[in-house]
């Protein structure tokens, strides 16, 4: 019988993955969206993936022109890491 031999470096115990921390408010929003954290840019996408809004390096964004509904808010930081959140527009 052949038995596999594993060297100690072959074992993967765990991988640490840190998600970038972002916050935004208010959610739901009626017009002004604030993102106080350091970020490079944002995208607001409809649920079918179409970009509705894209901007960069501000802390407040006017989104009153968006129709009432649910959107995806994608935030990008300096390390090019992104997080996606559900955004509700009232």
PDB file of N, CA and C in Angstrom:
ATOM      1  N   UNK A   1       0.843  -1.169   0.000  1.00  0.00           N
ATOM      2  CA  UNK A   1       0.000   0.000   0.000  1.00  0.00           C
ATOM      3  C   UNK A   1       0.892   1.236   0.000  1.00  0.00           C
ATOM      4  N   UNK A   2       0.576   2.196  -0.838  1.00  0.00           N
ATOM      5  CA  UNK A   2       1.338   3.435  -0.908  1.00  0.00           C
ATOM      6  C   UNK A   2       0.619   4.476  -0.061  1.00  0.00           C
ATOM      7  N   UNK A   3       1.357   5.114   0.837  1.00  0.00           N
ATOM      8  CA  UNK A   3       0.784   6.154   1.691  1.00  0.00           C
ATOM      9  C   UNK A   3       1.433   7.492   1.331  1.00  0.00           C
ATOM     10  N   UNK A   4       0.615   8.523   1.213  1.00  0.00           N
ATOM     11  CA  UNK A   4       1.198   9.830   0.897  1.00  0.00           C
ATOM     12  C   UNK A   4       1.992  10.371   2.078  1.00  0.00           C
ATOM     13  N   UNK A   5       3.044  11.062   1.768  1.00  0.00           N
ATOM     14  CA  UNK A   5       3.869  11.697   2.787  1.00  0.00           C
ATOM     15  C   UNK A   5       3.757  13.203   2.596  1.00  0.00           C
ATOM     16  N   UNK A   6       3.403  13.886   3.670  1.00  0.00           N
ATOM     17  CA  UNK A   6       3.258  15.336   3.617  1.00  0.00           C
ATOM     18  C   UNK A   6       4.341  15.983   4.454  1.00  0.00           C
ATOM     19  N   UNK A   7       4.973  16.993   3.881  1.00  0.00           N
ATOM     20  CA  UNK A   7       5.929  17.782   4.647  1.00  0.00           C
ATOM     21  C   UNK A   7       5.139  18.790   5.478  1.00  0.00           C
ATOM     22  N   UNK A   8       5.689  19.252   6.616  1.00  0.00           N
ATOM     23  CA  UNK A   8       4.957  20.200   7.465  1.00  0.00           C
ATOM     24  C   UNK A   8       4.493  21.455   6.732  1.00  0.00           C
ATOM     25  N   UNK A   9       5.233  21.931   5.736  1.00  0.00           N
ATOM     26  CA  UNK A   9       4.820  23.140   5.033  1.00  0.00           C
ATOM     27  C   UNK A   9       3.636  22.896   4.093  1.00  0.00           C
ATOM     28  N   UNK A  10       3.254  21.659   3.883  1.00  0.00           N
ATOM     29  CA  UNK A  10       2.104  21.354   3.045  1.00  0.00           C
ATOM     30  C   UNK A  10       0.770  21.582   3.753  1.00  0.00           C
ATOM     31  N   UNK A  11       0.805  21.689   5.069  1.00  0.00           N
ATOM     32  CA  UNK A  11      -0.434  21.868   5.814  1.00  0.00           C
ATOM     33  C   UNK A  11      -0.841  23.333   5.829  1.00  0.00           C
ATOM     34  N   UNK A  12      -2.077  23.574   5.518  1.00  0.00           N
ATOM     35  CA  UNK A  12      -2.627  24.918   5.577  1.00  0.00           C
ATOM     36  C   UNK A  12      -3.629  24.936   6.723  1.00  0.00           C
ATOM     37  N   UNK A  13      -3.276  25.648   7.775  1.00  0.00           N
ATOM     38  CA  UNK A  13      -4.134  25.672   8.942  1.00  0.00           C
ATOM     39  C   UNK A  13      -5.238  26.700   8.784  1.00  0.00           C
ATOM     40  N   UNK A  14      -4.918  27.834   8.242  1.00  0.00           N
ATOM     41  CA  UNK A  14      -5.921  28.880   8.048  1.00  0.00           C
ATOM     42  C   UNK A  14      -5.321  30.030   7.275  1.00  0.00           C
ATOM     43  N   UNK A  15      -6.171  30.785   6.687  1.00  0.00           N
ATOM     44  CA  UNK A  15      -5.727  31.946   5.932  1.00  0.00           C
ATOM     45  C   UNK A  15      -6.426  33.152   6.528  1.00  0.00           C
ATOM     46  N   UNK A  16      -5.629  34.113   6.966  1.00  0.00           N
ATOM     47  CA  UNK A  16      -6.220  35.328   7.509  1.00  0.00           C
ATOM     48  C   UNK A  16      -6.571  36.258   6.367  1.00  0.00           C
ATOM     49  N   UNK A  17      -7.786  36.675   6.378  1.00  0.00           N
ATOM     50  CA  UNK A  17      -8.257  37.593   5.364  1.00  0.00           C
ATOM     51  C   UNK A  17      -8.943  38.743   6.072  1.00  0.00           C
ATOM     52  N   UNK A  18      -8.446  39.932   5.836  1.00  0.00           N
ATOM     53  CA  UNK A  18      -9.036  41.100   6.467  1.00  0.00           C
ATOM     54  C   UNK A  18      -9.805  41.885   5.419  1.00  0.00           C
ATOM     55  N   UNK A  19     -11.080  42.078   5.702  1.00  0.00           N
ATOM     56  CA  UNK A  19     -11.889  42.881   4.807  1.00  0.00           C
ATOM     57  C   UNK A  19     -11.716  44.343   5.199  1.00  0.00           C
ATOM     58  N   UNK A  20     -11.597  45.215   4.228  1.00  0.00           N
ATOM     59  CA  UNK A  20     -11.467  46.628   4.561  1.00  0.00           C
ATOM     60  C   UNK A  20     -12.718  47.123   5.280  1.00  0.00           C
ATOM     61  N   UNK A  21     -12.525  47.983   6.254  1.00  0.00           N
ATOM     62  CA  UNK A  21     -13.643  48.516   7.024  1.00  0.00           C
ATOM     63  C   UNK A  21     -14.149  49.807   6.394  1.00  0.00           C
ATOM     64  N   UNK A  22     -15.410  49.823   6.081  1.00  0.00           N
ATOM     65  CA  UNK A  22     -16.062  51.009   5.562  1.00  0.00           C
ATOM     66  C   UNK A  22     -17.371  51.199   6.312  1.00  0.00           C
ATOM     67  N   UNK A  23     -17.813  52.422   6.375  1.00  0.00           N
ATOM     68  CA  UNK A  23     -19.152  52.690   6.890  1.00  0.00           C
ATOM     69  C   UNK A  23     -19.768  53.777   6.027  1.00  0.00           C
ATOM     70  N   UNK A  24     -21.063  53.795   5.999  1.00  0.00           N
ATOM     71  CA  UNK A  24     -21.784  54.832   5.262  1.00  0.00           C
ATOM     72  C   UNK A  24     -23.130  55.033   5.930  1.00  0.00           C
ATOM     73  N   UNK A  25     -23.689  56.192   5.754  1.00  0.00           N
ATOM     74  CA  UNK A  25     -24.990  56.495   6.343  1.00  0.00           C
ATOM     75  C   UNK A  25     -25.632  57.630   5.568  1.00  0.00           C
ATOM     76  N   UNK A  26     -26.923  57.822   5.653  1.00  0.00           N
ATOM     77  CA  UNK A  26     -27.917  56.909   6.230  1.00  0.00           C
ATOM     78  C   UNK A  26     -28.262  55.809   5.241  1.00  0.00           C
ATOM     79  N   UNK A  27     -28.749  54.734   5.746  1.00  0.00           N
ATOM     80  CA  UNK A  27     -29.226  53.635   4.919  1.00  0.00           C
ATOM     81  C   UNK A  27     -30.478  53.080   5.575  1.00  0.00           C
ATOM     82  N   UNK A  28     -31.637  53.313   5.048  1.00  0.00           N
ATOM     83  CA  UNK A  28     -31.974  53.879   3.740  1.00  0.00           C
ATOM     84  C   UNK A  28     -31.694  55.378   3.655  1.00  0.00           C
ATOM     85  N   UNK A  29     -31.460  55.837   2.438  1.00  0.00           N
ATOM     86  CA  UNK A  29     -31.179  57.244   2.202  1.00  0.00           C
ATOM     87  C   UNK A  29     -32.259  57.860   1.318  1.00  0.00           C
ATOM     88  N   UNK A  30     -32.418  59.174   1.452  1.00  0.00           N
ATOM     89  CA  UNK A  30     -33.367  59.882   0.592  1.00  0.00           C
ATOM     90  C   UNK A  30     -32.658  60.805  -0.385  1.00  0.00           C
ATOM     91  N   UNK A  31     -31.372  61.066  -0.164  1.00  0.00           N
ATOM     92  CA  UNK A  31     -30.703  61.962  -1.099  1.00  0.00           C
ATOM     93  C   UNK A  31     -29.222  62.157  -0.882  1.00  0.00           C
ATOM     94  N   UNK A  32     -28.774  62.306   0.359  1.00  0.00           N
ATOM     95  CA  UNK A  32     -27.360  62.557   0.627  1.00  0.00           C
ATOM     96  C   UNK A  32     -26.755  61.336   1.312  1.00  0.00           C
ATOM     97  N   UNK A  33     -25.736  60.762   0.704  1.00  0.00           N
ATOM     98  CA  UNK A  33     -25.054  59.579   1.217  1.00  0.00           C
ATOM     99  C   UNK A  33     -23.687  60.015   1.713  1.00  0.00           C
ATOM    100  N   UNK A  34     -23.331  59.657   2.950  1.00  0.00           N
ATOM    101  CA  UNK A  34     -22.063  60.051   3.542  1.00  0.00           C
ATOM    102  C   UNK A  34     -21.202  58.812   3.798  1.00  0.00           C
ATOM    103  N   UNK A  35     -19.937  58.880   3.364  1.00  0.00           N
ATOM    104  CA  UNK A  35     -18.967  57.806   3.597  1.00  0.00           C
ATOM    105  C   UNK A  35     -17.773  58.452   4.287  1.00  0.00           C
ATOM    106  N   UNK A  36     -17.696  58.370   5.627  1.00  0.00           N
ATOM    107  CA  UNK A  36     -16.661  59.089   6.361  1.00  0.00           C
ATOM    108  C   UNK A  36     -15.272  58.460   6.295  1.00  0.00           C
ATOM    109  N   UNK A  37     -15.167  57.201   5.942  1.00  0.00           N
ATOM    110  CA  UNK A  37     -13.868  56.526   5.935  1.00  0.00           C
ATOM    111  C   UNK A  37     -13.030  56.959   4.742  1.00  0.00           C
ATOM    112  N   UNK A  38     -11.761  56.671   4.819  1.00  0.00           N
ATOM    113  CA  UNK A  38     -10.862  56.948   3.710  1.00  0.00           C
ATOM    114  C   UNK A  38     -11.147  55.967   2.586  1.00  0.00           C
ATOM    115  N   UNK A  39     -11.460  56.490   1.439  1.00  0.00           N
ATOM    116  CA  UNK A  39     -11.733  55.645   0.288  1.00  0.00           C
ATOM    117  C   UNK A  39     -11.302  56.376  -0.980  1.00  0.00           C
ATOM    118  N   UNK A  40     -11.125  55.614  -2.026  1.00  0.00           N
ATOM    119  CA  UNK A  40     -10.677  56.173  -3.291  1.00  0.00           C
ATOM    120  C   UNK A  40     -11.860  56.489  -4.196  1.00  0.00           C
ATOM    121  N   UNK A  41     -12.865  55.633  -4.186  1.00  0.00           N
ATOM    122  CA  UNK A  41     -14.007  55.866  -5.060  1.00  0.00           C
ATOM    123  C   UNK A  41     -15.171  54.974  -4.710  1.00  0.00           C
ATOM    124  N   UNK A  42     -16.320  55.303  -5.312  1.00  0.00           N
ATOM    125  CA  UNK A  42     -17.511  54.492  -5.117  1.00  0.00           C
ATOM    126  C   UNK A  42     -18.205  54.259  -6.445  1.00  0.00           C
ATOM    127  N   UNK A  43     -18.998  53.216  -6.470  1.00  0.00           N
ATOM    128  CA  UNK A  43     -19.909  52.947  -7.568  1.00  0.00           C
ATOM    129  C   UNK A  43     -21.245  52.558  -6.956  1.00  0.00           C
ATOM    130  N   UNK A  44     -22.319  53.027  -7.551  1.00  0.00           N
ATOM    131  CA  UNK A  44     -23.650  52.569  -7.189  1.00  0.00           C
ATOM    132  C   UNK A  44     -24.185  51.843  -8.408  1.00  0.00           C
ATOM    133  N   UNK A  45     -24.556  50.585  -8.195  1.00  0.00           N
ATOM    134  CA  UNK A  45     -25.020  49.740  -9.286  1.00  0.00           C
ATOM    135  C   UNK A  45     -26.460  49.322  -9.052  1.00  0.00           C
ATOM    136  N   UNK A  46     -27.207  49.184 -10.137  1.00  0.00           N
ATOM    137  CA  UNK A  46     -28.544  48.614 -10.037  1.00  0.00           C
ATOM    138  C   UNK A  46     -28.372  47.110  -9.811  1.00  0.00           C
ATOM    139  N   UNK A  47     -29.443  46.433  -9.450  1.00  0.00           N
ATOM    140  CA  UNK A  47     -29.343  45.007  -9.168  1.00  0.00           C
ATOM    141  C   UNK A  47     -29.015  44.172 -10.398  1.00  0.00           C
ATOM    142  N   UNK A  48     -29.184  44.743 -11.574  1.00  0.00           N
ATOM    143  CA  UNK A  48     -28.785  44.017 -12.780  1.00  0.00           C
ATOM    144  C   UNK A  48     -27.339  44.312 -13.187  1.00  0.00           C
ATOM    145  N   UNK A  49     -26.602  45.062 -12.338  1.00  0.00           N
ATOM    146  CA  UNK A  49     -25.174  45.280 -12.545  1.00  0.00           C
ATOM    147  C   UNK A  49     -24.804  46.524 -13.328  1.00  0.00           C
ATOM    148  N   UNK A  50     -25.765  47.330 -13.709  1.00  0.00           N
ATOM    149  CA  UNK A  50     -25.462  48.544 -14.467  1.00  0.00           C
ATOM    150  C   UNK A  50     -25.046  49.663 -13.520  1.00  0.00           C
ATOM    151  N   UNK A  51     -23.973  50.363 -13.888  1.00  0.00           N
ATOM    152  CA  UNK A  51     -23.472  51.454 -13.050  1.00  0.00           C
ATOM    153  C   UNK A  51     -24.423  52.643 -13.171  1.00  0.00           C
ATOM    154  N   UNK A  52     -24.965  53.070 -12.028  1.00  0.00           N
ATOM    155  CA  UNK A  52     -25.878  54.205 -11.982  1.00  0.00           C
ATOM    156  C   UNK A  52     -25.153  55.492 -11.583  1.00  0.00           C
ATOM    157  N   UNK A  53     -24.056  55.332 -10.837  1.00  0.00           N
ATOM    158  CA  UNK A  53     -23.320  56.490 -10.316  1.00  0.00           C
ATOM    159  C   UNK A  53     -21.897  56.049 -10.041  1.00  0.00           C
ATOM    160  N   UNK A  54     -20.938  56.928 -10.327  1.00  0.00           N
ATOM    161  CA  UNK A  54     -19.531  56.629 -10.066  1.00  0.00           C
ATOM    162  C   UNK A  54     -18.827  57.950  -9.754  1.00  0.00           C
ATOM    163  N   UNK A  55     -18.053  57.963  -8.675  1.00  0.00           N
ATOM    164  CA  UNK A  55     -17.354  59.183  -8.283  1.00  0.00           C
ATOM    165  C   UNK A  55     -16.193  58.794  -7.373  1.00  0.00           C
ATOM    166  N   UNK A  56     -15.377  59.780  -7.020  1.00  0.00           N
ATOM    167  CA  UNK A  56     -14.225  59.457  -6.188  1.00  0.00           C
ATOM    168  C   UNK A  56     -13.869  60.569  -5.216  1.00  0.00           C
ATOM    169  N   UNK A  57     -13.252  60.150  -4.134  1.00  0.00           N
ATOM    170  CA  UNK A  57     -12.596  61.005  -3.146  1.00  0.00           C
ATOM    171  C   UNK A  57     -13.449  62.103  -2.522  1.00  0.00           C
ATOM    172  N   UNK A  58     -14.716  61.867  -2.326  1.00  0.00           N
ATOM    173  CA  UNK A  58     -15.558  62.799  -1.589  1.00  0.00           C
ATOM    174  C   UNK A  58     -16.107  62.065  -0.376  1.00  0.00           C
ATOM    175  N   UNK A  59     -16.645  62.809   0.561  1.00  0.00           N
ATOM    176  CA  UNK A  59     -17.258  62.162   1.717  1.00  0.00           C
ATOM    177  C   UNK A  59     -18.778  62.182   1.630  1.00  0.00           C
ATOM    178  N   UNK A  60     -19.341  63.051   0.784  1.00  0.00           N
ATOM    179  CA  UNK A  60     -20.792  63.120   0.627  1.00  0.00           C
ATOM    180  C   UNK A  60     -21.144  63.047  -0.851  1.00  0.00           C
ATOM    181  N   UNK A  61     -22.200  62.313  -1.134  1.00  0.00           N
ATOM    182  CA  UNK A  61     -22.646  62.119  -2.513  1.00  0.00           C
ATOM    183  C   UNK A  61     -24.147  62.362  -2.582  1.00  0.00           C
ATOM    184  N   UNK A  62     -24.578  63.144  -3.561  1.00  0.00           N
ATOM    185  CA  UNK A  62     -26.009  63.382  -3.771  1.00  0.00           C
ATOM    186  C   UNK A  62     -26.553  62.287  -4.677  1.00  0.00           C
ATOM    187  N   UNK A  63     -27.492  61.534  -4.162  1.00  0.00           N
ATOM    188  CA  UNK A  63     -28.075  60.429  -4.930  1.00  0.00           C
ATOM    189  C   UNK A  63     -29.597  60.568  -5.012  1.00  0.00           C
ATOM    190  N   UNK A  64     -30.099  61.792  -4.843  1.00  0.00           N
ATOM    191  CA  UNK A  64     -31.544  62.007  -4.837  1.00  0.00           C
ATOM    192  C   UNK A  64     -32.189  61.683  -6.182  1.00  0.00           C
ATOM    193  N   UNK A  65     -31.426  61.732  -7.261  1.00  0.00           N
ATOM    194  CA  UNK A  65     -31.975  61.466  -8.587  1.00  0.00           C
ATOM    195  C   UNK A  65     -32.254  59.980  -8.821  1.00  0.00           C
ATOM    196  N   UNK A  66     -31.690  59.100  -7.984  1.00  0.00           N
ATOM    197  CA  UNK A  66     -31.936  57.668  -8.147  1.00  0.00           C
ATOM    198  C   UNK A  66     -33.392  57.346  -7.837  1.00  0.00           C
ATOM    199  N   UNK A  67     -33.943  56.412  -8.566  1.00  0.00           N
ATOM    200  CA  UNK A  67     -35.308  55.978  -8.300  1.00  0.00           C
ATOM    201  C   UNK A  67     -35.344  55.191  -6.993  1.00  0.00           C
ATOM    202  N   UNK A  68     -36.506  55.176  -6.360  1.00  0.00           N
ATOM    203  CA  UNK A  68     -36.680  54.402  -5.140  1.00  0.00           C
ATOM    204  C   UNK A  68     -36.399  52.937  -5.444  1.00  0.00           C
ATOM    205  N   UNK A  69     -35.612  52.303  -4.564  1.00  0.00           N
ATOM    206  CA  UNK A  69     -35.307  50.890  -4.779  1.00  0.00           C
ATOM    207  C   UNK A  69     -34.058  50.449  -4.045  1.00  0.00           C
ATOM    208  N   UNK A  70     -33.576  49.281  -4.401  1.00  0.00           N
ATOM    209  CA  UNK A  70     -32.395  48.683  -3.788  1.00  0.00           C
ATOM    210  C   UNK A  70     -31.255  48.722  -4.799  1.00  0.00           C
ATOM    211  N   UNK A  71     -30.093  49.138  -4.324  1.00  0.00           N
ATOM    212  CA  UNK A  71     -28.902  49.250  -5.157  1.00  0.00           C
ATOM    213  C   UNK A  71     -27.738  48.570  -4.456  1.00  0.00           C
ATOM    214  N   UNK A  72     -26.651  48.383  -5.194  1.00  0.00           N
ATOM    215  CA  UNK A  72     -25.407  47.887  -4.617  1.00  0.00           C
ATOM    216  C   UNK A  72     -24.429  49.046  -4.553  1.00  0.00           C
ATOM    217  N   UNK A  73     -23.833  49.236  -3.390  1.00  0.00           N
ATOM    218  CA  UNK A  73     -22.840  50.290  -3.189  1.00  0.00           C
ATOM    219  C   UNK A  73     -21.480  49.625  -3.096  1.00  0.00           C
ATOM    220  N   UNK A  74     -20.604  49.929  -4.037  1.00  0.00           N
ATOM    221  CA  UNK A  74     -19.252  49.354  -4.055  1.00  0.00           C
ATOM    222  C   UNK A  74     -18.270  50.454  -3.675  1.00  0.00           C
ATOM    223  N   UNK A  75     -17.471  50.201  -2.627  1.00  0.00           N
ATOM    224  CA  UNK A  75     -16.499  51.183  -2.144  1.00  0.00           C
ATOM    225  C   UNK A  75     -15.101  50.609  -2.351  1.00  0.00           C
ATOM    226  N   UNK A  76     -14.199  51.439  -2.856  1.00  0.00           N
ATOM    227  CA  UNK A  76     -12.819  51.051  -3.154  1.00  0.00           C
ATOM    228  C   UNK A  76     -11.871  51.830  -2.253  1.00  0.00           C
ATOM    229  N   UNK A  77     -10.898  51.135  -1.633  1.00  0.00           N
ATOM    230  CA  UNK A  77      -9.932  51.840  -0.786  1.00  0.00           C
ATOM    231  C   UNK A  77      -8.593  51.986  -1.496  1.00  0.00           C
ATOM    232  N   UNK A  78      -7.603  52.580  -0.795  1.00  0.00           N
ATOM    233  CA  UNK A  78      -6.296  52.860  -1.395  1.00  0.00           C
ATOM    234  C   UNK A  78      -5.551  51.594  -1.801  1.00  0.00           C
ATOM    235  N   UNK A  79      -5.813  50.488  -1.121  1.00  0.00           N
ATOM    236  CA  UNK A  79      -5.131  49.219  -1.448  1.00  0.00           C
ATOM    237  C   UNK A  79      -5.849  48.461  -2.567  1.00  0.00           C
ATOM    238  N   UNK A  80      -6.801  49.116  -3.221  1.00  0.00           N
ATOM    239  CA  UNK A  80      -7.587  48.546  -4.310  1.00  0.00           C
ATOM    240  C   UNK A  80      -8.485  47.395  -3.857  1.00  0.00           C
ATOM    241  N   UNK A  81      -8.786  47.347  -2.566  1.00  0.00           N
ATOM    242  CA  UNK A  81      -9.727  46.363  -2.045  1.00  0.00           C
ATOM    243  C   UNK A  81     -11.128  46.962  -2.100  1.00  0.00           C
ATOM    244  N   UNK A  82     -12.100  46.151  -2.433  1.00  0.00           N
ATOM    245  CA  UNK A  82     -13.471  46.647  -2.523  1.00  0.00           C
ATOM    246  C   UNK A  82     -14.385  45.902  -1.564  1.00  0.00           C
ATOM    247  N   UNK A  83     -15.436  46.590  -1.151  1.00  0.00           N
ATOM    248  CA  UNK A  83     -16.519  45.980  -0.380  1.00  0.00           C
ATOM    249  C   UNK A  83     -17.810  46.416  -1.051  1.00  0.00           C
ATOM    250  N   UNK A  84     -18.774  45.529  -1.062  1.00  0.00           N
ATOM    251  CA  UNK A  84     -20.064  45.826  -1.662  1.00  0.00           C
ATOM    252  C   UNK A  84     -21.145  45.714  -0.599  1.00  0.00           C
ATOM    253  N   UNK A  85     -22.023  46.710  -0.553  1.00  0.00           N
ATOM    254  CA  UNK A  85     -23.094  46.773   0.438  1.00  0.00           C
ATOM    255  C   UNK A  85     -24.430  46.972  -0.259  1.00  0.00           C
ATOM    256  N   UNK A  86     -25.492  46.616   0.440  1.00  0.00           N
ATOM    257  CA  UNK A  86     -26.835  46.894  -0.062  1.00  0.00           C
ATOM    258  C   UNK A  86     -27.194  48.325   0.349  1.00  0.00           C
ATOM    259  N   UNK A  87     -27.664  49.103  -0.602  1.00  0.00           N
ATOM    260  CA  UNK A  87     -28.069  50.474  -0.367  1.00  0.00           C
ATOM    261  C   UNK A  87     -29.544  50.610  -0.728  1.00  0.00           C
ATOM    262  N   UNK A  88     -30.318  51.169   0.181  1.00  0.00           N
ATOM    263  CA  UNK A  88     -31.745  51.350  -0.065  1.00  0.00           C
ATOM    264  C   UNK A  88     -32.011  52.831  -0.285  1.00  0.00           C
ATOM    265  N   UNK A  89     -32.628  53.161  -1.406  1.00  0.00           N
ATOM    266  CA  UNK A  89     -32.997  54.536  -1.730  1.00  0.00           C
ATOM    267  C   UNK A  89     -34.496  54.672  -1.544  1.00  0.00           C
ATOM    268  N   UNK A  90     -34.897  55.578  -0.670  1.00  0.00           N
ATOM    269  CA  UNK A  90     -36.332  55.809  -0.428  1.00  0.00           C
ATOM    270  C   UNK A  90     -36.832  56.961  -1.269  1.00  0.00           C
TER     271      UNK A  90
END
